[in-house]
N, C-alpha and C. Protein backbone atom coordinates (compact mmCIF):
# COMPACT_ATOMS: atom_id res chain seq x y z
N LEU A 1 13.34 -101.87 60.53
CA LEU A 1 14.22 -100.72 60.46
C LEU A 1 15.64 -101.18 60.18
N PRO A 2 16.44 -100.34 59.57
CA PRO A 2 17.81 -100.74 59.27
C PRO A 2 18.66 -100.81 60.54
N THR A 3 19.52 -101.80 60.61
CA THR A 3 20.46 -101.89 61.72
C THR A 3 21.62 -100.95 61.45
N TRP A 4 22.41 -100.70 62.47
CA TRP A 4 23.56 -99.80 62.34
C TRP A 4 24.47 -100.26 61.21
N ASP A 5 24.81 -101.55 61.20
CA ASP A 5 25.75 -102.04 60.19
C ASP A 5 25.16 -102.06 58.79
N GLU A 6 23.84 -102.07 58.66
CA GLU A 6 23.21 -102.01 57.35
C GLU A 6 23.16 -100.59 56.80
N ALA A 7 23.07 -99.60 57.68
CA ALA A 7 22.86 -98.22 57.24
C ALA A 7 24.14 -97.40 57.13
N VAL A 8 25.04 -97.55 58.10
CA VAL A 8 26.23 -96.71 58.12
C VAL A 8 27.10 -97.00 56.90
N GLY A 9 27.53 -95.93 56.25
CA GLY A 9 28.34 -96.06 55.05
C GLY A 9 27.53 -95.99 53.77
N HIS A 10 26.21 -95.92 53.87
CA HIS A 10 25.33 -95.82 52.71
C HIS A 10 24.59 -94.49 52.77
N ALA A 11 24.47 -93.85 51.64
CA ALA A 11 23.68 -92.61 51.50
C ALA A 11 24.07 -91.55 52.53
N GLY A 12 25.35 -91.50 52.86
CA GLY A 12 25.83 -90.47 53.78
C GLY A 12 25.51 -90.71 55.25
N ILE A 13 25.06 -91.92 55.59
CA ILE A 13 24.71 -92.22 56.99
C ILE A 13 25.99 -92.56 57.75
N ASP A 14 26.14 -91.91 58.91
CA ASP A 14 27.25 -92.21 59.82
C ASP A 14 26.72 -92.09 61.25
N ASP A 15 27.61 -92.22 62.22
CA ASP A 15 27.17 -92.17 63.62
C ASP A 15 26.44 -90.88 63.95
N SER A 16 26.84 -89.77 63.32
CA SER A 16 26.25 -88.48 63.67
C SER A 16 24.80 -88.33 63.23
N ASN A 17 24.37 -89.08 62.22
CA ASN A 17 22.99 -88.93 61.74
C ASN A 17 22.21 -90.25 61.69
N PHE A 18 22.80 -91.32 62.21
CA PHE A 18 22.13 -92.62 62.18
C PHE A 18 20.80 -92.59 62.93
N ASN A 19 20.78 -92.07 64.14
CA ASN A 19 19.54 -92.06 64.92
C ASN A 19 18.46 -91.24 64.24
N ALA A 20 18.81 -90.09 63.69
CA ALA A 20 17.82 -89.28 62.97
C ALA A 20 17.28 -90.05 61.77
N HIS A 21 18.15 -90.78 61.08
CA HIS A 21 17.74 -91.60 59.94
C HIS A 21 16.75 -92.68 60.37
N VAL A 22 17.05 -93.37 61.44
CA VAL A 22 16.15 -94.44 61.91
C VAL A 22 14.81 -93.86 62.35
N LEU A 23 14.84 -92.79 63.12
CA LEU A 23 13.59 -92.17 63.57
C LEU A 23 12.76 -91.69 62.40
N ALA A 24 13.39 -91.14 61.37
CA ALA A 24 12.66 -90.68 60.19
C ALA A 24 12.10 -91.85 59.38
N SER A 25 12.70 -93.02 59.52
CA SER A 25 12.26 -94.21 58.78
C SER A 25 11.08 -94.90 59.44
N MET A 26 10.76 -94.52 60.66
CA MET A 26 9.71 -95.21 61.40
C MET A 26 8.32 -94.88 60.86
N ASN A 27 7.45 -95.88 60.90
CA ASN A 27 6.04 -95.72 60.54
C ASN A 27 5.26 -95.70 61.84
N ARG A 28 4.85 -94.53 62.27
CA ARG A 28 4.21 -94.38 63.59
C ARG A 28 2.86 -95.08 63.68
N ASP A 29 2.30 -95.50 62.56
CA ASP A 29 1.00 -96.18 62.58
C ASP A 29 1.14 -97.70 62.59
N ASP A 30 2.35 -98.19 62.72
CA ASP A 30 2.58 -99.62 62.63
C ASP A 30 3.68 -100.00 63.61
N LEU A 31 3.96 -101.27 63.71
CA LEU A 31 5.03 -101.77 64.56
C LEU A 31 6.34 -101.68 63.80
N ASP A 32 7.32 -101.01 64.37
CA ASP A 32 8.66 -100.96 63.80
C ASP A 32 9.57 -101.81 64.66
N VAL A 33 10.46 -102.55 64.03
CA VAL A 33 11.40 -103.40 64.75
C VAL A 33 12.81 -102.94 64.43
N LEU A 34 13.55 -102.60 65.48
CA LEU A 34 14.96 -102.26 65.35
C LEU A 34 15.75 -103.39 65.99
N THR A 35 16.46 -104.13 65.17
CA THR A 35 17.29 -105.22 65.67
C THR A 35 18.57 -104.64 66.24
N ILE A 36 18.88 -105.02 67.46
CA ILE A 36 20.12 -104.55 68.08
C ILE A 36 21.04 -105.74 68.29
N HIS A 37 22.32 -105.47 68.29
CA HIS A 37 23.32 -106.52 68.43
C HIS A 37 24.16 -106.28 69.67
N ALA A 38 24.42 -107.32 70.42
CA ALA A 38 25.20 -107.19 71.65
C ALA A 38 26.57 -106.61 71.39
N GLU A 39 27.18 -106.95 70.25
CA GLU A 39 28.53 -106.49 69.98
C GLU A 39 28.60 -105.04 69.53
N SER A 40 27.48 -104.46 69.12
CA SER A 40 27.50 -103.05 68.72
C SER A 40 26.68 -102.21 69.69
N GLU A 41 25.35 -102.26 69.59
CA GLU A 41 24.52 -101.43 70.47
C GLU A 41 24.70 -101.78 71.94
N GLY A 42 25.08 -103.01 72.23
CA GLY A 42 25.32 -103.41 73.61
C GLY A 42 26.75 -103.18 74.05
N GLY A 43 27.59 -102.75 73.15
CA GLY A 43 29.01 -102.56 73.47
C GLY A 43 29.49 -101.19 73.03
N CYS A 44 30.29 -101.18 71.97
CA CYS A 44 30.94 -99.94 71.54
C CYS A 44 29.95 -98.88 71.07
N LYS A 45 28.75 -99.25 70.67
CA LYS A 45 27.75 -98.28 70.21
C LYS A 45 26.65 -98.06 71.24
N SER A 46 26.88 -98.47 72.48
CA SER A 46 25.84 -98.29 73.50
C SER A 46 25.47 -96.83 73.72
N PRO A 47 26.42 -95.86 73.68
CA PRO A 47 25.99 -94.46 73.82
C PRO A 47 25.07 -94.03 72.67
N LEU A 48 25.31 -94.53 71.47
CA LEU A 48 24.46 -94.22 70.33
C LEU A 48 23.06 -94.80 70.54
N PHE A 49 22.99 -96.02 71.06
CA PHE A 49 21.69 -96.65 71.32
C PHE A 49 20.95 -95.93 72.45
N GLU A 50 21.65 -95.53 73.49
CA GLU A 50 21.02 -94.77 74.57
C GLU A 50 20.46 -93.46 74.04
N ASP A 51 21.20 -92.80 73.15
CA ASP A 51 20.72 -91.56 72.53
C ASP A 51 19.46 -91.83 71.71
N PHE A 52 19.43 -92.95 70.98
CA PHE A 52 18.24 -93.31 70.21
C PHE A 52 17.04 -93.46 71.13
N LEU A 53 17.21 -94.17 72.24
CA LEU A 53 16.10 -94.37 73.17
C LEU A 53 15.63 -93.04 73.76
N ASP A 54 16.56 -92.14 74.07
CA ASP A 54 16.19 -90.82 74.58
C ASP A 54 15.40 -90.04 73.53
N ARG A 55 15.85 -90.08 72.29
CA ARG A 55 15.15 -89.36 71.22
C ARG A 55 13.77 -89.96 70.96
N LEU A 56 13.69 -91.28 70.98
CA LEU A 56 12.41 -91.95 70.79
C LEU A 56 11.43 -91.53 71.88
N ASP A 57 11.89 -91.52 73.12
CA ASP A 57 11.06 -91.10 74.24
C ASP A 57 10.62 -89.65 74.08
N ALA A 58 11.53 -88.78 73.67
CA ALA A 58 11.21 -87.36 73.49
C ALA A 58 10.16 -87.14 72.41
N GLU A 59 10.11 -88.05 71.43
CA GLU A 59 9.12 -87.95 70.36
C GLU A 59 7.82 -88.67 70.71
N GLY A 60 7.72 -89.19 71.93
CA GLY A 60 6.50 -89.87 72.35
C GLY A 60 6.44 -91.33 71.96
N GLY A 61 7.54 -91.88 71.50
CA GLY A 61 7.59 -93.29 71.13
C GLY A 61 7.90 -94.16 72.33
N ALA A 62 7.80 -95.44 72.15
CA ALA A 62 8.08 -96.38 73.22
C ALA A 62 8.82 -97.58 72.66
N ALA A 63 9.67 -98.15 73.47
CA ALA A 63 10.42 -99.34 73.07
C ALA A 63 10.04 -100.51 73.97
N CYS A 64 10.06 -101.69 73.40
CA CYS A 64 9.82 -102.91 74.18
C CYS A 64 10.51 -104.05 73.45
N THR A 65 10.59 -105.17 74.12
CA THR A 65 11.13 -106.35 73.46
C THR A 65 10.02 -107.02 72.66
N LEU A 66 10.39 -107.77 71.64
CA LEU A 66 9.37 -108.49 70.87
C LEU A 66 8.63 -109.50 71.74
N GLY A 67 9.33 -110.06 72.71
CA GLY A 67 8.69 -111.02 73.61
C GLY A 67 7.53 -110.42 74.39
N GLU A 68 7.61 -109.12 74.67
CA GLU A 68 6.52 -108.45 75.39
C GLU A 68 5.26 -108.34 74.54
N LEU A 69 5.38 -108.48 73.24
CA LEU A 69 4.23 -108.35 72.34
C LEU A 69 3.52 -109.68 72.09
N LEU A 70 4.18 -110.77 72.42
CA LEU A 70 3.59 -112.09 72.16
C LEU A 70 2.53 -112.43 73.19
N PRO A 71 1.49 -113.12 72.75
CA PRO A 71 0.52 -113.62 73.72
C PRO A 71 1.18 -114.68 74.61
N GLU A 72 0.62 -114.91 75.78
CA GLU A 72 1.20 -115.91 76.69
C GLU A 72 1.22 -117.30 76.06
N ASP A 73 0.23 -117.61 75.26
CA ASP A 73 0.14 -118.91 74.61
C ASP A 73 0.03 -118.69 73.10
N PRO A 74 1.15 -118.44 72.43
CA PRO A 74 1.06 -118.14 70.99
C PRO A 74 0.52 -119.32 70.20
N PRO A 75 -0.17 -119.03 69.11
CA PRO A 75 -0.69 -120.12 68.28
C PRO A 75 0.45 -120.90 67.64
N PRO A 76 0.22 -122.18 67.37
CA PRO A 76 1.28 -122.96 66.73
C PRO A 76 1.55 -122.42 65.33
N GLY A 77 2.74 -122.61 64.89
CA GLY A 77 3.11 -122.16 63.56
C GLY A 77 4.48 -122.69 63.20
N ARG A 78 4.87 -122.43 61.99
CA ARG A 78 6.15 -122.91 61.50
C ARG A 78 7.01 -121.72 61.10
N LEU A 79 8.24 -121.71 61.58
CA LEU A 79 9.19 -120.69 61.18
C LEU A 79 9.98 -121.19 59.99
N GLU A 80 10.22 -120.29 59.06
CA GLU A 80 10.97 -120.63 57.86
C GLU A 80 12.01 -119.54 57.61
N ARG A 81 13.01 -119.88 56.81
CA ARG A 81 13.93 -118.85 56.35
C ARG A 81 13.20 -118.00 55.32
N GLY A 82 13.34 -116.69 55.47
CA GLY A 82 12.71 -115.80 54.52
C GLY A 82 13.41 -114.45 54.51
N THR A 83 12.88 -113.56 53.72
CA THR A 83 13.45 -112.22 53.64
C THR A 83 12.38 -111.20 54.01
N VAL A 84 12.85 -110.03 54.40
CA VAL A 84 11.98 -108.92 54.74
C VAL A 84 12.53 -107.70 54.02
N ASP A 85 11.66 -106.96 53.33
CA ASP A 85 12.11 -105.77 52.61
C ASP A 85 12.89 -104.86 53.54
N GLY A 86 14.02 -104.39 53.06
CA GLY A 86 14.84 -103.48 53.83
C GLY A 86 15.87 -104.14 54.73
N ARG A 87 15.84 -105.46 54.84
CA ARG A 87 16.81 -106.18 55.67
C ARG A 87 17.71 -107.01 54.79
N ASP A 88 18.98 -107.06 55.16
CA ASP A 88 19.94 -107.89 54.44
C ASP A 88 19.86 -109.33 54.93
N GLY A 89 20.03 -110.26 54.01
CA GLY A 89 20.11 -111.66 54.40
C GLY A 89 18.76 -112.26 54.74
N TRP A 90 18.81 -113.45 55.32
CA TRP A 90 17.58 -114.15 55.67
C TRP A 90 17.26 -113.97 57.14
N LEU A 91 16.00 -114.14 57.47
CA LEU A 91 15.49 -114.06 58.83
C LEU A 91 14.55 -115.23 59.06
N ALA A 92 14.25 -115.51 60.31
CA ALA A 92 13.21 -116.49 60.62
C ALA A 92 11.87 -115.76 60.49
N VAL A 93 11.00 -116.26 59.63
CA VAL A 93 9.71 -115.61 59.37
C VAL A 93 8.58 -116.63 59.44
N ARG A 94 7.39 -116.11 59.65
CA ARG A 94 6.16 -116.91 59.59
C ARG A 94 5.34 -116.40 58.42
N ASN A 95 4.68 -117.28 57.74
CA ASN A 95 3.77 -116.85 56.68
C ASN A 95 2.42 -116.46 57.23
N ASP A 96 2.08 -116.95 58.40
CA ASP A 96 0.82 -116.60 59.05
C ASP A 96 1.13 -115.60 60.17
N PRO A 97 0.39 -114.50 60.25
CA PRO A 97 0.71 -113.48 61.26
C PRO A 97 0.45 -113.98 62.68
N VAL A 98 1.37 -113.63 63.57
CA VAL A 98 1.22 -113.97 64.98
C VAL A 98 0.30 -112.97 65.65
N LEU A 99 0.50 -111.71 65.31
CA LEU A 99 -0.28 -110.64 65.92
C LEU A 99 -1.35 -110.19 64.94
N GLY A 100 -2.59 -110.19 65.38
CA GLY A 100 -3.69 -109.85 64.49
C GLY A 100 -3.88 -108.40 64.23
């Protein structure tokens, strides 16, 4: 999912409609990942993030950390720099899926 700094200022997205944009972008049949940043969602944008969580809950969605999804003993693998559609810049990615 797009982060606040990736979406705001594009296609008419601002604080007033960011959460609606993110919720509309979600694929309810798959895992969606919303990256949050301590300096924005954890700071000056924390009310916006709290509103997102409230809206997600009202729609029957659930939030968790990525760590909660990992098995206790994940299989070995190699992380590489890569890209993900819809995200700016590079991320740490695996070519082999962790979650089956």
